[in-house]
Amino acid sequence: MIGTQPKGLSGNLDDPDLDPFWQTASDLEATIYLHPMFGCGDDRLLDYDMINAVGRGVDTTTAVARMIFAGHFTKYSGMKMILSHGGGALPYILGRMERNYLMHKDDGYADPAEQMQKLWYDTVLFDPRTLRFLAECFGADRIVLGSDYPFPIGDLTPCNVVRQANFSEIDTSAILGDNAVRLFRLEGRCGTC
């Protein structure tokens, strides 16, 4: 598990000085779980516990969008990255990111739709409709169960949102454990809740 800001409360995951880390992760075919940082650096988030409700998703969105446009998930294709909280806002702004890519293709930007198909997403969304949308965008085979435990905003009954999304039995089983077995190269089947 790594954070979104590699230098404490600053830095970007696409900074060139991190290339050896990404290359090693790719060479090892490592699975990396990305979680936003505790401080999001925006005073507008200090009220209403918006750091948890909004800030963490914005932090993930910003950090991973940089990696997407930089082409990290093609360049370091051996690694597998799981994005917490269903990928933040990334699935919902993909159209805007694609538009930005098309406007700047000649500047070396990588294709966001292609990059995002290489990622994995957890289920910590709390809303079955949002989880279904995530699956429509990237496939149920790219989603793994998450809980955000032990954080106060965590989902203490994480299987419920998956079951409430009314996926097929195959997709439900995949999200509740079979995808994790494949992702982490485990033997056998995972017990599901």
Protein backbone atom coordinates (compact mmCIF):
# COMPACT_ATOMS: atom_id res chain seq x y z
CA MET A 1 0.00 0.00 0.00
CA ILE A 2 1.29 3.42 -0.93
CA GLY A 3 -0.03 6.95 -0.55
CA THR A 4 -0.86 9.48 -3.23
CA GLN A 5 1.76 12.04 -2.19
CA PRO A 6 5.18 10.40 -2.14
CA LYS A 7 6.98 13.19 -0.27
CA GLY A 8 4.68 13.48 2.71
CA LEU A 9 2.24 16.19 1.72
CA SER A 10 3.76 16.89 -1.67
CA GLY A 11 5.24 15.27 -4.73
CA ASN A 12 3.62 13.39 -7.58
CA LEU A 13 3.58 9.68 -8.31
CA ASP A 14 4.77 10.37 -11.86
CA ASP A 15 7.88 12.25 -10.66
CA PRO A 16 10.91 10.90 -12.58
CA ASP A 17 12.80 10.15 -9.35
CA LEU A 18 10.17 7.43 -8.67
CA ASP A 19 10.80 5.64 -11.98
CA PRO A 20 13.07 3.03 -10.31
CA PHE A 21 10.24 2.19 -7.88
CA TRP A 22 7.73 1.77 -10.71
CA GLN A 23 10.18 -0.24 -12.79
CA THR A 24 10.83 -2.59 -9.88
CA ALA A 25 7.10 -2.94 -9.22
CA SER A 26 6.58 -3.77 -12.88
CA ASP A 27 9.49 -6.23 -12.98
CA LEU A 28 8.14 -8.00 -9.88
CA GLU A 29 4.57 -7.95 -11.21
CA ALA A 30 3.66 -6.38 -7.88
CA THR A 31 0.16 -5.49 -6.83
CA ILE A 32 0.03 -2.01 -5.33
CA TYR A 33 -2.91 -0.60 -3.40
CA LEU A 34 -3.15 3.19 -3.61
CA HIS A 35 -4.80 5.09 -0.77
CA PRO A 36 -5.11 8.87 -0.51
CA MET A 37 -3.10 10.76 2.06
CA PHE A 38 -4.47 12.01 5.37
CA GLY A 39 -3.94 15.68 4.57
CA CYS A 40 -5.44 16.97 1.37
CA GLY A 41 -4.11 20.53 1.62
CA ASP A 42 -7.36 22.36 0.86
CA ASP A 43 -8.85 24.51 3.64
CA ARG A 44 -12.31 24.23 2.04
CA LEU A 45 -12.36 20.61 3.21
CA LEU A 46 -11.92 21.37 6.91
CA ASP A 47 -15.66 21.55 7.70
CA TYR A 48 -18.34 18.85 7.56
CA ASP A 49 -15.68 16.08 7.61
CA MET A 50 -15.23 16.78 3.91
CA ILE A 51 -11.68 15.50 4.04
CA ASN A 52 -13.17 12.00 4.24
CA ALA A 53 -16.30 12.62 2.18
CA VAL A 54 -14.68 14.55 -0.69
CA GLY A 55 -10.97 15.23 -0.16
CA ARG A 56 -9.68 11.68 -0.33
CA GLY A 57 -11.44 11.10 -3.63
CA VAL A 58 -10.03 14.34 -5.05
CA ASP A 59 -6.54 13.34 -3.88
CA THR A 60 -6.78 9.95 -5.61
CA THR A 61 -8.24 11.53 -8.74
CA THR A 62 -5.45 14.08 -9.04
CA ALA A 63 -2.59 11.67 -8.26
CA VAL A 64 -3.75 8.96 -10.65
CA ALA A 65 -4.79 11.35 -13.44
CA ARG A 66 -1.16 12.48 -13.62
CA MET A 67 0.00 8.87 -13.90
CA ILE A 68 -2.64 8.20 -16.55
CA PHE A 69 -1.65 11.13 -18.77
CA ALA A 70 2.03 10.24 -18.25
CA GLY A 71 1.34 6.70 -19.53
CA HIS A 72 2.63 4.96 -16.39
CA PHE A 73 0.27 2.02 -16.71
CA THR A 74 1.61 1.21 -20.18
CA LYS A 75 5.24 1.97 -19.40
CA TYR A 76 5.12 -0.14 -16.21
CA SER A 77 2.61 -2.69 -17.43
CA GLY A 78 3.84 -5.52 -15.21
CA MET A 79 2.46 -3.95 -12.03
CA LYS A 80 -1.16 -4.01 -11.02
CA MET A 81 -2.59 -1.01 -9.17
CA ILE A 82 -5.77 -1.06 -7.12
CA LEU A 83 -7.40 2.33 -6.60
CA SER A 84 -9.25 2.87 -3.35
CA HIS A 85 -12.77 4.27 -3.21
CA GLY A 86 -13.67 3.06 -6.68
CA GLY A 87 -11.00 5.25 -8.25
CA GLY A 88 -12.24 8.54 -6.80
CA ALA A 89 -13.87 10.67 -9.49
CA LEU A 90 -11.86 9.12 -12.32
CA PRO A 91 -14.63 6.91 -13.75
CA TYR A 92 -17.02 9.86 -13.80
CA ILE A 93 -14.66 12.35 -15.48
CA LEU A 94 -13.26 9.91 -18.03
CA GLY A 95 -15.06 11.75 -20.83
CA ARG A 96 -13.40 15.03 -19.85
CA MET A 97 -10.03 13.32 -19.60
CA GLU A 98 -10.52 11.76 -23.06
CA ARG A 99 -11.37 15.18 -24.45
CA ASN A 100 -8.20 16.62 -22.90
CA TYR A 101 -6.18 13.76 -24.38
CA LEU A 102 -7.62 14.31 -27.86
CA MET A 103 -6.80 18.01 -27.65
CA HIS A 104 -3.20 17.27 -26.56
CA LYS A 105 -2.41 13.97 -28.27
CA ASP A 106 0.53 15.54 -30.10
CA ASP A 107 1.99 16.63 -26.74
CA GLY A 108 2.58 13.01 -25.71
CA TYR A 109 -0.40 12.51 -23.40
CA ALA A 110 -1.44 8.88 -22.95
CA ASP A 111 -5.01 7.79 -23.68
CA PRO A 112 -6.98 7.80 -20.39
CA ALA A 113 -9.52 5.18 -21.53
CA GLU A 114 -6.71 2.78 -22.41
CA GLN A 115 -4.80 3.48 -19.19
CA MET A 116 -7.85 3.07 -16.94
CA GLN A 117 -8.62 -0.36 -18.38
CA LYS A 118 -5.32 -1.51 -16.84
CA LEU A 119 -6.33 -0.51 -13.30
CA TRP A 120 -8.23 -2.27 -10.54
CA TYR A 121 -10.85 -0.64 -8.33
CA ASP A 122 -12.20 -1.38 -4.86
CA THR A 123 -15.86 -1.35 -3.83
CA VAL A 124 -15.78 1.35 -1.14
CA LEU A 125 -18.47 3.48 -2.76
CA PHE A 126 -21.47 2.85 -0.43
CA ASP A 127 -23.90 3.10 -3.33
CA PRO A 128 -24.88 0.09 -5.47
CA ARG A 129 -25.73 2.29 -8.48
CA THR A 130 -22.26 3.81 -8.41
CA LEU A 131 -20.69 0.36 -8.10
CA ARG A 132 -22.72 -0.83 -11.11
CA PHE A 133 -21.53 2.19 -13.10
CA LEU A 134 -17.93 1.37 -12.20
CA ALA A 135 -18.48 -2.19 -13.45
CA GLU A 136 -20.07 -0.90 -16.66
CA CYS A 137 -17.02 1.28 -17.28
CA PHE A 138 -14.24 -1.21 -16.54
CA GLY A 139 -15.82 -4.62 -15.98
CA ALA A 140 -16.67 -6.54 -12.83
CA ASP A 141 -13.46 -8.49 -13.40
CA ARG A 142 -11.47 -5.33 -12.43
CA ILE A 143 -13.23 -4.75 -9.07
CA VAL A 144 -12.18 -6.13 -5.69
CA LEU A 145 -13.89 -6.00 -2.33
CA GLY A 146 -12.77 -3.19 -0.04
CA SER A 147 -13.85 -1.90 3.36
CA ASP A 148 -11.72 1.16 4.26
CA TYR A 149 -11.44 -0.41 7.71
CA PRO A 150 -10.40 0.85 10.31
CA PHE A 151 -11.21 4.39 9.21
CA PRO A 152 -14.38 5.94 10.69
CA ILE A 153 -15.95 6.30 7.25
CA GLY A 154 -15.17 2.65 6.50
CA ASP A 155 -17.75 0.10 5.41
CA LEU A 156 -18.20 -2.44 8.19
CA THR A 157 -20.48 -4.57 5.98
CA PRO A 158 -18.64 -4.36 2.65
CA CYS A 159 -20.41 -7.32 1.02
CA ASN A 160 -23.78 -5.55 1.23
CA VAL A 161 -23.10 -2.97 -1.48
CA VAL A 162 -21.98 -5.74 -3.84
CA ARG A 163 -25.10 -7.81 -3.19
CA GLN A 164 -27.37 -4.75 -3.47
CA ALA A 165 -25.90 -3.97 -6.90
CA ASN A 166 -27.65 -7.11 -8.22
CA PHE A 167 -24.76 -8.35 -10.31
CA SER A 168 -24.92 -11.80 -11.85
CA GLU A 169 -23.84 -14.65 -9.60
CA ILE A 170 -20.56 -14.89 -11.54
CA ASP A 171 -19.79 -11.16 -11.19
CA THR A 172 -20.79 -11.14 -7.52
CA SER A 173 -18.47 -14.06 -6.81
CA ALA A 174 -15.71 -12.37 -8.78
CA ILE A 175 -15.97 -9.11 -6.83
CA LEU A 176 -16.34 -10.81 -3.46
CA GLY A 177 -13.16 -12.84 -3.84
CA ASP A 178 -12.42 -14.55 -7.14
CA ASN A 179 -10.80 -11.40 -8.61
CA ALA A 180 -8.55 -11.11 -5.54
CA VAL A 181 -7.50 -14.74 -5.93
CA ARG A 182 -6.51 -14.00 -9.53
CA LEU A 183 -4.93 -10.62 -8.74
CA PHE A 184 -2.80 -11.93 -5.89
CA ARG A 185 -2.10 -15.28 -7.61
CA LEU A 186 -3.56 -17.31 -4.77
CA GLU A 187 -4.52 -20.95 -5.01
CA GLY A 188 -8.11 -22.13 -4.78
CA ARG A 189 -11.17 -20.00 -4.30
CA CYS A 190 -11.68 -17.25 -1.80
CA GLY A 191 -14.45 -17.67 0.76
CA THR A 192 -17.10 -15.07 0.14
CA CYS A 193 -19.41 -13.30 2.54
